[in-house]
Amino acid sequence: MSRRRIGRAAAATTGAAAALLPSLAAAQEGAGRSLDAPDDAMGTVLATAGAVAALFLVASIGYLYMRIRGLEWGFQEKELPPEPGSGGHH
């Protein structure tokens, strides 16, 4: 295993441990201080998931429409140099 991989694995392990510390501390304090989820929390979660799915659907339809109609704009493509003798400037 290379040093770079070992370093990345150590960093990932350290990050995961640091991310778990607050939840471990909260678990030690007990559940008495935390707020319970409201009764309509599941409805809110489902509505949010539905809205995100609808957004992805609209974006996908727009992308497919653009591809089918050939409306791509090559703004990031490199410009080809002008052909010799065409009178184009660099």
C-alpha atoms as a PDB file:
ATOM      1  CA  MET A   1       0.000   0.000   0.000  1.00  0.00           C
ATOM      2  CA  SER A   2       1.434   3.374  -0.924  1.00  0.00           C
ATOM      3  CA  ARG A   3       1.971   6.213   1.499  1.00  0.00           C
ATOM      4  CA  ARG A   4      -0.643   8.296  -0.275  1.00  0.00           C
ATOM      5  CA  ARG A   5      -3.305   5.599   0.207  1.00  0.00           C
ATOM      6  CA  ILE A   6      -2.373   5.162   3.847  1.00  0.00           C
ATOM      7  CA  GLY A   7      -2.601   8.926   4.338  1.00  0.00           C
ATOM      8  CA  ARG A   8      -5.998   9.061   2.674  1.00  0.00           C
ATOM      9  CA  ALA A   9      -7.277   6.145   4.750  1.00  0.00           C
ATOM     10  CA  ALA A  10      -6.007   7.775   7.932  1.00  0.00           C
ATOM     11  CA  ALA A  11      -7.643  11.067   6.966  1.00  0.00           C
ATOM     12  CA  ALA A  12     -10.948   9.351   6.204  1.00  0.00           C
ATOM     13  CA  THR A  13     -10.853   7.482   9.513  1.00  0.00           C
ATOM     14  CA  THR A  14     -10.025  10.658  11.434  1.00  0.00           C
ATOM     15  CA  GLY A  15     -12.824  12.534   9.663  1.00  0.00           C
ATOM     16  CA  ALA A  16     -15.345   9.812  10.390  1.00  0.00           C
ATOM     17  CA  ALA A  17     -14.331   9.752  14.054  1.00  0.00           C
ATOM     18  CA  ALA A  18     -14.624  13.533  14.287  1.00  0.00           C
ATOM     19  CA  ALA A  19     -18.058  13.396  12.660  1.00  0.00           C
ATOM     20  CA  LEU A  20     -19.230  10.792  15.185  1.00  0.00           C
ATOM     21  CA  LEU A  21     -18.066  12.671  18.289  1.00  0.00           C
ATOM     22  CA  PRO A  22     -21.079  15.025  18.551  1.00  0.00           C
ATOM     23  CA  SER A  23     -23.548  12.156  18.206  1.00  0.00           C
ATOM     24  CA  LEU A  24     -21.694  10.136  20.835  1.00  0.00           C
ATOM     25  CA  ALA A  25     -21.720  13.102  23.210  1.00  0.00           C
ATOM     26  CA  ALA A  26     -25.429  13.631  22.614  1.00  0.00           C
ATOM     27  CA  ALA A  27     -26.135   9.950  23.278  1.00  0.00           C
ATOM     28  CA  GLN A  28     -24.324  10.163  26.608  1.00  0.00           C
ATOM     29  CA  GLU A  29     -26.448  13.129  27.708  1.00  0.00           C
ATOM     30  CA  GLY A  30     -29.622  11.171  27.121  1.00  0.00           C
ATOM     31  CA  ALA A  31     -32.668  11.708  24.965  1.00  0.00           C
ATOM     32  CA  GLY A  32     -34.392  13.931  27.529  1.00  0.00           C
ATOM     33  CA  ARG A  33     -32.935  17.127  26.108  1.00  0.00           C
ATOM     34  CA  SER A  34     -33.703  16.438  22.457  1.00  0.00           C
ATOM     35  CA  LEU A  35     -36.901  17.473  20.714  1.00  0.00           C
ATOM     36  CA  ASP A  36     -39.280  14.859  19.393  1.00  0.00           C
ATOM     37  CA  ALA A  37     -40.212  14.927  15.727  1.00  0.00           C
ATOM     38  CA  PRO A  38     -43.567  16.589  15.020  1.00  0.00           C
ATOM     39  CA  ASP A  39     -46.504  14.417  13.990  1.00  0.00           C
ATOM     40  CA  ASP A  40     -46.433  15.626  10.395  1.00  0.00           C
ATOM     41  CA  ALA A  41     -42.671  15.179   9.931  1.00  0.00           C
ATOM     42  CA  MET A  42     -43.070  12.205   7.598  1.00  0.00           C
ATOM     43  CA  GLY A  43     -45.395  14.197   5.359  1.00  0.00           C
ATOM     44  CA  THR A  44     -42.822  16.982   5.163  1.00  0.00           C
ATOM     45  CA  VAL A  45     -40.062  14.527   4.297  1.00  0.00           C
ATOM     46  CA  LEU A  46     -42.187  12.932   1.568  1.00  0.00           C
ATOM     47  CA  ALA A  47     -43.200  16.321   0.152  1.00  0.00           C
ATOM     48  CA  THR A  48     -39.547  17.393   0.016  1.00  0.00           C
ATOM     49  CA  ALA A  49     -38.499  14.133  -1.658  1.00  0.00           C
ATOM     50  CA  GLY A  50     -41.343  14.534  -4.167  1.00  0.00           C
ATOM     51  CA  ALA A  51     -40.320  18.109  -4.935  1.00  0.00           C
ATOM     52  CA  VAL A  52     -36.702  17.066  -5.506  1.00  0.00           C
ATOM     53  CA  ALA A  53     -37.816  14.192  -7.752  1.00  0.00           C
ATOM     54  CA  ALA A  54     -40.044  16.580  -9.731  1.00  0.00           C
ATOM     55  CA  LEU A  55     -37.141  19.010 -10.122  1.00  0.00           C
ATOM     56  CA  PHE A  56     -34.908  16.227 -11.449  1.00  0.00           C
ATOM     57  CA  LEU A  57     -37.676  15.122 -13.820  1.00  0.00           C
ATOM     58  CA  VAL A  58     -38.095  18.630 -15.241  1.00  0.00           C
ATOM     59  CA  ALA A  59     -34.321  19.022 -15.626  1.00  0.00           C
ATOM     60  CA  SER A  60     -34.077  15.641 -17.370  1.00  0.00           C
ATOM     61  CA  ILE A  61     -36.885  16.478 -19.778  1.00  0.00           C
ATOM     62  CA  GLY A  62     -35.229  19.817 -20.549  1.00  0.00           C
ATOM     63  CA  TYR A  63     -31.890  18.133 -21.156  1.00  0.00           C
ATOM     64  CA  LEU A  64     -33.444  15.524 -23.466  1.00  0.00           C
ATOM     65  CA  TYR A  65     -35.335  18.248 -25.360  1.00  0.00           C
ATOM     66  CA  MET A  66     -32.103  20.169 -25.832  1.00  0.00           C
ATOM     67  CA  ARG A  67     -30.259  17.058 -27.052  1.00  0.00           C
ATOM     68  CA  ILE A  68     -33.025  15.975 -29.451  1.00  0.00           C
ATOM     69  CA  ARG A  69     -33.361  19.454 -30.959  1.00  0.00           C
ATOM     70  CA  GLY A  70     -29.579  19.857 -31.279  1.00  0.00           C
ATOM     71  CA  LEU A  71     -29.496  22.997 -29.175  1.00  0.00           C
ATOM     72  CA  GLU A  72     -26.064  22.363 -27.674  1.00  0.00           C
ATOM     73  CA  TRP A  73     -23.894  25.406 -27.294  1.00  0.00           C
ATOM     74  CA  GLY A  74     -20.200  24.563 -27.493  1.00  0.00           C
ATOM     75  CA  PHE A  75     -19.041  27.485 -25.375  1.00  0.00           C
ATOM     76  CA  GLN A  76     -16.312  25.421 -23.726  1.00  0.00           C
ATOM     77  CA  GLU A  77     -14.953  23.853 -26.869  1.00  0.00           C
ATOM     78  CA  LYS A  78     -11.640  25.096 -28.213  1.00  0.00           C
ATOM     79  CA  GLU A  79     -11.833  27.311 -31.229  1.00  0.00           C
ATOM     80  CA  LEU A  80     -10.140  25.901 -34.270  1.00  0.00           C
ATOM     81  CA  PRO A  81      -7.561  28.171 -35.845  1.00  0.00           C
ATOM     82  CA  PRO A  82      -8.643  29.740 -39.133  1.00  0.00           C
ATOM     83  CA  GLU A  83      -7.735  27.852 -42.253  1.00  0.00           C
ATOM     84  CA  PRO A  84      -4.773  29.243 -44.202  1.00  0.00           C
ATOM     85  CA  GLY A  85      -5.845  31.604 -46.894  1.00  0.00           C
ATOM     86  CA  SER A  86      -9.285  32.257 -45.402  1.00  0.00           C
ATOM     87  CA  GLY A  87      -8.325  35.765 -44.293  1.00  0.00           C
ATOM     88  CA  GLY A  88      -9.198  35.060 -40.653  1.00  0.00           C
ATOM     89  CA  HIS A  89      -7.288  36.707 -37.846  1.00  0.00           C
ATOM     90  CA  HIS A  90      -5.882  34.962 -34.781  1.00  0.00           C
END
